N, C-alpha and C. Protein backbone atom coordinates (compact mmCIF):
# COMPACT_ATOMS: atom_id res chain seq x y z
N UNK A 1 -14.19 18.69 65.12
CA UNK A 1 -13.40 19.89 64.87
C UNK A 1 -14.32 21.10 64.90
N UNK A 2 -13.85 22.15 65.47
CA UNK A 2 -14.61 23.39 65.56
C UNK A 2 -14.67 24.08 64.21
N UNK A 3 -15.78 24.75 63.95
CA UNK A 3 -15.99 25.41 62.67
C UNK A 3 -15.58 26.88 62.75
N UNK A 4 -14.64 27.26 61.89
CA UNK A 4 -14.18 28.65 61.79
C UNK A 4 -14.86 29.34 60.64
N UNK A 5 -14.99 30.65 60.74
CA UNK A 5 -15.48 31.46 59.64
C UNK A 5 -14.93 32.86 59.74
N UNK A 6 -14.67 33.44 58.60
CA UNK A 6 -14.27 34.84 58.54
C UNK A 6 -15.54 35.65 58.33
N UNK A 7 -15.75 36.64 59.18
CA UNK A 7 -16.89 37.53 59.01
C UNK A 7 -16.37 38.94 58.77
N UNK A 8 -16.74 39.48 57.63
CA UNK A 8 -16.40 40.86 57.29
C UNK A 8 -17.64 41.71 57.51
N UNK A 9 -17.55 42.66 58.43
CA UNK A 9 -18.65 43.59 58.65
C UNK A 9 -18.46 44.78 57.72
N UNK A 10 -19.51 45.12 57.00
CA UNK A 10 -19.41 46.19 56.03
C UNK A 10 -20.74 46.93 55.93
N UNK A 11 -20.65 48.19 55.56
CA UNK A 11 -21.83 49.01 55.27
C UNK A 11 -21.41 50.11 54.32
N UNK A 12 -22.35 50.63 53.58
CA UNK A 12 -22.01 51.64 52.57
C UNK A 12 -22.25 53.07 53.03
N UNK A 13 -22.90 53.26 54.17
CA UNK A 13 -23.33 54.61 54.55
C UNK A 13 -22.39 55.32 55.52
N UNK A 14 -21.11 55.27 55.26
CA UNK A 14 -20.13 56.02 56.05
C UNK A 14 -20.33 57.52 55.82
N UNK A 15 -20.29 58.30 56.90
CA UNK A 15 -20.46 59.74 56.74
C UNK A 15 -19.18 60.39 56.18
N UNK A 16 -18.02 59.80 56.48
CA UNK A 16 -16.76 60.35 55.97
C UNK A 16 -16.50 60.00 54.53
N UNK A 17 -16.74 58.74 54.18
CA UNK A 17 -16.50 58.26 52.81
C UNK A 17 -17.70 57.43 52.34
N UNK A 18 -18.74 58.11 51.85
CA UNK A 18 -19.91 57.35 51.39
C UNK A 18 -19.53 56.30 50.35
N UNK A 19 -20.15 55.13 50.49
CA UNK A 19 -19.93 54.00 49.59
C UNK A 19 -18.48 53.50 49.61
N UNK A 20 -17.83 53.68 50.74
CA UNK A 20 -16.40 53.35 50.88
C UNK A 20 -16.01 51.94 50.42
N UNK A 21 -16.76 50.88 50.74
CA UNK A 21 -16.31 49.56 50.30
C UNK A 21 -16.24 49.39 48.79
N UNK A 22 -16.91 50.28 48.07
CA UNK A 22 -16.94 50.15 46.62
C UNK A 22 -16.13 51.23 45.90
N UNK A 23 -15.31 51.97 46.67
CA UNK A 23 -14.39 52.91 46.03
C UNK A 23 -13.36 52.09 45.25
N UNK A 24 -12.90 52.63 44.16
CA UNK A 24 -12.00 51.88 43.27
C UNK A 24 -10.54 52.24 43.49
N UNK A 25 -9.70 51.21 43.47
CA UNK A 25 -8.25 51.34 43.46
C UNK A 25 -7.77 50.45 42.33
N UNK A 26 -7.07 51.03 41.39
CA UNK A 26 -6.62 50.28 40.20
C UNK A 26 -7.76 49.51 39.52
N UNK A 27 -8.92 50.14 39.47
CA UNK A 27 -10.04 49.55 38.75
C UNK A 27 -10.85 48.52 39.50
N UNK A 28 -10.49 48.23 40.76
CA UNK A 28 -11.21 47.24 41.56
C UNK A 28 -11.79 47.89 42.80
N UNK A 29 -12.94 47.40 43.24
CA UNK A 29 -13.51 47.85 44.50
C UNK A 29 -12.59 47.46 45.65
N UNK A 30 -12.53 48.33 46.66
CA UNK A 30 -11.73 48.00 47.85
C UNK A 30 -12.15 46.67 48.44
N UNK A 31 -13.46 46.43 48.50
CA UNK A 31 -13.96 45.20 49.09
C UNK A 31 -13.59 43.97 48.27
N UNK A 32 -13.43 44.13 46.97
CA UNK A 32 -13.00 42.99 46.14
C UNK A 32 -11.59 42.53 46.52
N UNK A 33 -10.70 43.46 46.83
CA UNK A 33 -9.36 43.09 47.28
C UNK A 33 -9.43 42.28 48.57
N UNK A 34 -10.18 42.80 49.54
CA UNK A 34 -10.28 42.14 50.84
C UNK A 34 -10.94 40.77 50.72
N UNK A 35 -12.06 40.68 50.03
CA UNK A 35 -12.75 39.40 49.95
C UNK A 35 -11.90 38.35 49.23
N UNK A 36 -11.16 38.77 48.21
CA UNK A 36 -10.29 37.82 47.51
C UNK A 36 -9.24 37.24 48.46
N UNK A 37 -8.64 38.10 49.30
CA UNK A 37 -7.65 37.61 50.26
C UNK A 37 -8.27 36.70 51.30
N UNK A 38 -9.47 37.01 51.74
CA UNK A 38 -10.14 36.16 52.73
C UNK A 38 -10.51 34.81 52.12
N UNK A 39 -11.02 34.83 50.91
CA UNK A 39 -11.38 33.58 50.23
C UNK A 39 -10.15 32.70 50.04
N UNK A 40 -8.99 33.32 49.79
CA UNK A 40 -7.74 32.57 49.59
C UNK A 40 -7.31 31.79 50.83
N UNK A 41 -7.83 32.12 52.01
CA UNK A 41 -7.47 31.38 53.22
C UNK A 41 -8.06 29.98 53.22
N UNK A 42 -9.14 29.79 52.46
CA UNK A 42 -9.84 28.52 52.48
C UNK A 42 -10.86 28.43 53.60
N UNK A 43 -10.95 29.47 54.42
CA UNK A 43 -11.91 29.52 55.52
C UNK A 43 -13.20 30.14 54.97
N UNK A 44 -14.33 29.57 55.35
CA UNK A 44 -15.61 30.11 54.91
C UNK A 44 -15.66 31.61 55.18
N UNK A 45 -16.01 32.40 54.18
CA UNK A 45 -16.03 33.85 54.32
C UNK A 45 -17.46 34.36 54.19
N UNK A 46 -17.86 35.14 55.18
CA UNK A 46 -19.22 35.68 55.24
C UNK A 46 -19.12 37.20 55.28
N UNK A 47 -19.90 37.83 54.45
CA UNK A 47 -19.98 39.28 54.45
C UNK A 47 -21.26 39.65 55.18
N UNK A 48 -21.14 40.33 56.32
CA UNK A 48 -22.29 40.72 57.13
C UNK A 48 -22.59 42.19 56.89
N UNK A 49 -23.72 42.44 56.25
CA UNK A 49 -24.11 43.79 55.85
C UNK A 49 -25.50 44.09 56.39
N UNK A 50 -25.88 45.37 56.44
CA UNK A 50 -27.27 45.68 56.81
C UNK A 50 -28.23 45.00 55.84
N UNK A 51 -29.31 44.45 56.36
CA UNK A 51 -30.21 43.68 55.50
C UNK A 51 -30.76 44.49 54.34
N UNK A 52 -30.86 45.81 54.52
CA UNK A 52 -31.36 46.68 53.45
C UNK A 52 -30.36 46.79 52.29
N UNK A 53 -29.12 46.39 52.49
CA UNK A 53 -28.08 46.57 51.49
C UNK A 53 -27.62 45.26 50.82
N UNK A 54 -28.24 44.15 51.18
CA UNK A 54 -27.81 42.85 50.64
C UNK A 54 -27.80 42.85 49.12
N UNK A 55 -28.86 43.27 48.50
CA UNK A 55 -28.93 43.26 47.03
C UNK A 55 -27.89 44.17 46.39
N UNK A 56 -27.65 45.31 47.00
CA UNK A 56 -26.64 46.23 46.48
C UNK A 56 -25.26 45.57 46.48
N UNK A 57 -24.93 44.87 47.58
CA UNK A 57 -23.65 44.16 47.64
C UNK A 57 -23.60 43.06 46.60
N UNK A 58 -24.67 42.31 46.46
CA UNK A 58 -24.69 41.23 45.46
C UNK A 58 -24.47 41.76 44.05
N UNK A 59 -25.01 42.91 43.76
CA UNK A 59 -24.88 43.49 42.42
C UNK A 59 -23.50 44.07 42.16
N UNK A 60 -22.78 44.47 43.20
CA UNK A 60 -21.54 45.22 43.01
C UNK A 60 -20.26 44.49 43.39
N UNK A 61 -20.35 43.28 43.89
CA UNK A 61 -19.15 42.53 44.28
C UNK A 61 -18.71 41.57 43.19
N UNK A 62 -17.44 41.59 42.93
CA UNK A 62 -16.86 40.68 41.94
C UNK A 62 -16.84 39.24 42.46
N UNK A 63 -16.53 39.06 43.75
CA UNK A 63 -16.35 37.72 44.34
C UNK A 63 -17.63 37.17 44.97
N UNK A 64 -18.78 37.67 44.58
CA UNK A 64 -20.02 37.31 45.26
C UNK A 64 -20.34 35.82 45.23
N UNK A 65 -19.88 35.11 44.23
CA UNK A 65 -20.18 33.68 44.16
C UNK A 65 -19.35 32.85 45.13
N UNK A 66 -18.27 33.41 45.65
CA UNK A 66 -17.42 32.70 46.60
C UNK A 66 -17.66 33.13 48.04
N UNK A 67 -18.64 34.00 48.24
CA UNK A 67 -18.95 34.54 49.56
C UNK A 67 -20.36 34.16 49.98
N UNK A 68 -20.57 34.13 51.28
CA UNK A 68 -21.93 34.10 51.82
C UNK A 68 -22.22 35.54 52.23
N UNK A 69 -23.38 36.05 51.86
CA UNK A 69 -23.75 37.41 52.25
C UNK A 69 -24.91 37.31 53.22
N UNK A 70 -24.71 37.88 54.41
CA UNK A 70 -25.71 37.83 55.46
C UNK A 70 -26.23 39.23 55.73
N UNK A 71 -27.55 39.38 55.74
CA UNK A 71 -28.16 40.67 56.05
C UNK A 71 -28.66 40.69 57.47
N UNK A 72 -28.26 41.74 58.20
CA UNK A 72 -28.66 41.83 59.61
C UNK A 72 -28.85 43.27 60.04
N UNK A 73 -28.59 43.50 61.30
CA UNK A 73 -28.81 44.80 61.92
C UNK A 73 -28.06 45.92 61.20
N UNK A 74 -28.75 47.02 60.96
CA UNK A 74 -28.12 48.17 60.31
C UNK A 74 -27.24 48.95 61.28
N UNK A 75 -27.70 49.09 62.51
CA UNK A 75 -27.04 49.99 63.46
C UNK A 75 -26.07 49.32 64.42
N UNK A 76 -26.04 48.01 64.46
CA UNK A 76 -25.20 47.31 65.44
C UNK A 76 -24.35 46.25 64.73
N UNK A 77 -23.11 46.61 64.33
CA UNK A 77 -22.28 45.65 63.59
C UNK A 77 -21.91 44.42 64.42
N UNK A 78 -21.76 44.55 65.74
CA UNK A 78 -21.44 43.37 66.55
C UNK A 78 -22.61 42.39 66.58
N UNK A 79 -23.82 42.92 66.67
CA UNK A 79 -25.00 42.05 66.61
C UNK A 79 -25.09 41.39 65.24
N UNK A 80 -24.82 42.15 64.20
CA UNK A 80 -24.85 41.60 62.84
C UNK A 80 -23.84 40.47 62.71
N UNK A 81 -22.64 40.66 63.27
CA UNK A 81 -21.61 39.63 63.21
C UNK A 81 -22.04 38.40 64.02
N UNK A 82 -22.54 38.62 65.22
CA UNK A 82 -22.98 37.51 66.07
C UNK A 82 -24.10 36.72 65.40
N UNK A 83 -25.08 37.43 64.84
CA UNK A 83 -26.19 36.76 64.18
C UNK A 83 -25.72 35.97 62.96
N UNK A 84 -24.77 36.52 62.21
CA UNK A 84 -24.22 35.80 61.05
C UNK A 84 -23.52 34.52 61.50
N UNK A 85 -22.75 34.60 62.57
CA UNK A 85 -22.04 33.43 63.09
C UNK A 85 -23.03 32.37 63.57
N UNK A 86 -24.06 32.79 64.28
CA UNK A 86 -25.06 31.85 64.78
C UNK A 86 -25.81 31.20 63.62
N UNK A 87 -26.19 31.99 62.64
CA UNK A 87 -26.94 31.49 61.49
C UNK A 87 -26.13 30.43 60.72
N UNK A 88 -24.82 30.64 60.61
CA UNK A 88 -23.97 29.71 59.85
C UNK A 88 -23.30 28.66 60.73
N UNK A 89 -23.65 28.62 62.01
CA UNK A 89 -23.15 27.58 62.90
C UNK A 89 -21.66 27.64 63.19
N UNK A 90 -21.11 28.84 63.26
CA UNK A 90 -19.68 28.98 63.52
C UNK A 90 -19.37 28.83 65.01
N UNK A 91 -18.28 28.16 65.30
CA UNK A 91 -17.79 28.06 66.67
C UNK A 91 -16.76 29.14 66.97
N UNK A 92 -16.02 29.54 65.94
CA UNK A 92 -14.96 30.55 66.09
C UNK A 92 -15.07 31.55 64.96
N UNK A 93 -14.86 32.81 65.29
CA UNK A 93 -15.00 33.89 64.32
C UNK A 93 -13.66 34.58 64.12
N UNK A 94 -13.35 34.84 62.88
CA UNK A 94 -12.24 35.72 62.52
C UNK A 94 -12.92 36.98 62.02
N UNK A 95 -12.90 38.01 62.86
CA UNK A 95 -13.59 39.25 62.53
C UNK A 95 -12.67 40.16 61.73
N UNK A 96 -13.16 40.60 60.59
CA UNK A 96 -12.39 41.49 59.73
C UNK A 96 -13.26 42.70 59.41
N UNK A 97 -12.73 43.87 59.66
CA UNK A 97 -13.42 45.11 59.31
C UNK A 97 -13.11 45.42 57.86
N UNK A 98 -14.05 45.96 57.13
CA UNK A 98 -13.81 46.22 55.71
C UNK A 98 -12.78 47.33 55.49
N UNK A 99 -12.35 48.01 56.54
CA UNK A 99 -11.30 49.02 56.41
C UNK A 99 -9.93 48.40 56.18
N UNK A 100 -9.75 47.16 56.60
CA UNK A 100 -8.46 46.50 56.47
C UNK A 100 -8.47 45.72 55.16
N UNK A 101 -8.11 46.40 54.08
CA UNK A 101 -8.30 45.77 52.77
C UNK A 101 -7.20 44.79 52.39
N UNK A 102 -6.04 44.90 53.00
CA UNK A 102 -4.94 43.99 52.65
C UNK A 102 -4.62 43.12 53.85
N UNK A 103 -4.92 41.84 53.75
CA UNK A 103 -4.57 40.89 54.79
C UNK A 103 -3.81 39.75 54.13
N UNK A 104 -3.06 39.04 54.94
CA UNK A 104 -2.29 37.91 54.44
C UNK A 104 -3.03 36.61 54.73
N UNK A 105 -3.36 35.86 53.70
CA UNK A 105 -4.04 34.58 53.96
C UNK A 105 -3.13 33.63 54.73
N UNK A 106 -1.81 33.73 54.53
CA UNK A 106 -0.89 32.88 55.29
C UNK A 106 -0.92 33.22 56.77
N UNK A 107 -1.01 34.51 57.08
CA UNK A 107 -1.04 34.93 58.48
C UNK A 107 -2.32 34.45 59.17
N UNK A 108 -3.44 34.50 58.47
CA UNK A 108 -4.70 34.01 59.03
C UNK A 108 -4.56 32.54 59.40
N UNK A 109 -4.02 31.74 58.50
CA UNK A 109 -3.86 30.31 58.78
C UNK A 109 -2.89 30.07 59.92
N UNK A 110 -1.83 30.88 60.00
CA UNK A 110 -0.89 30.77 61.12
C UNK A 110 -1.57 31.09 62.44
N UNK A 111 -2.40 32.12 62.45
CA UNK A 111 -3.14 32.49 63.67
C UNK A 111 -4.09 31.38 64.09
N UNK A 112 -4.78 30.77 63.14
CA UNK A 112 -5.70 29.67 63.48
C UNK A 112 -4.93 28.53 64.13
N UNK A 113 -3.80 28.16 63.55
CA UNK A 113 -2.99 27.08 64.11
C UNK A 113 -2.50 27.41 65.52
N UNK A 114 -2.03 28.61 65.72
CA UNK A 114 -1.55 29.03 67.04
C UNK A 114 -2.70 29.06 68.04
N UNK A 115 -3.84 29.55 67.62
CA UNK A 115 -5.04 29.63 68.46
C UNK A 115 -5.43 28.23 68.95
N UNK A 116 -5.42 27.26 68.03
CA UNK A 116 -5.79 25.90 68.40
C UNK A 116 -4.72 25.21 69.22
N UNK A 117 -3.45 25.35 68.83
CA UNK A 117 -2.35 24.69 69.53
C UNK A 117 -2.23 25.14 70.98
N UNK A 118 -2.42 26.41 71.22
CA UNK A 118 -2.23 26.95 72.57
C UNK A 118 -3.55 27.09 73.34
N UNK A 119 -4.66 26.65 72.74
CA UNK A 119 -5.97 26.72 73.36
C UNK A 119 -6.28 28.13 73.87
N UNK A 120 -6.07 29.12 72.98
CA UNK A 120 -6.27 30.52 73.33
C UNK A 120 -7.75 30.90 73.26
N UNK A 121 -8.10 31.99 73.92
CA UNK A 121 -9.46 32.50 73.86
C UNK A 121 -9.63 33.45 72.68
N UNK A 122 -8.57 34.17 72.31
CA UNK A 122 -8.63 35.05 71.17
C UNK A 122 -7.23 35.41 70.71
N UNK A 123 -7.12 35.90 69.50
CA UNK A 123 -5.88 36.42 68.96
C UNK A 123 -6.23 37.75 68.31
N UNK A 124 -5.37 38.72 68.46
CA UNK A 124 -5.59 40.04 67.89
C UNK A 124 -4.43 40.40 66.99
N UNK A 125 -4.74 40.91 65.81
CA UNK A 125 -3.68 41.33 64.90
C UNK A 125 -3.77 42.82 64.70
């Protein structure tokens, strides 16, 4: 069976909204909402961040014990995602941007099943 993983690309140095993943909504970090939903899928969830920010994420995430945190390229999020997938031996990636804070774990599982059943190359939501 092929190995799936959810990779969330994140960084704190947005010029529009500095420290955006850790802005609070109802007392919780935005990233805590997203990571909780990803973890609920049962699919291995990896947070791919610039290597210089790994410790900051570890200190500020509520769900850090249920996540793998990978430090990689600061300037190239696609390289960071690819390197995280290679490091963890993933065959298939579910790429999630940290801007999409509300996802449905049921929809993710439905997409995986459809992807496998129809032998698709990719699915986009």
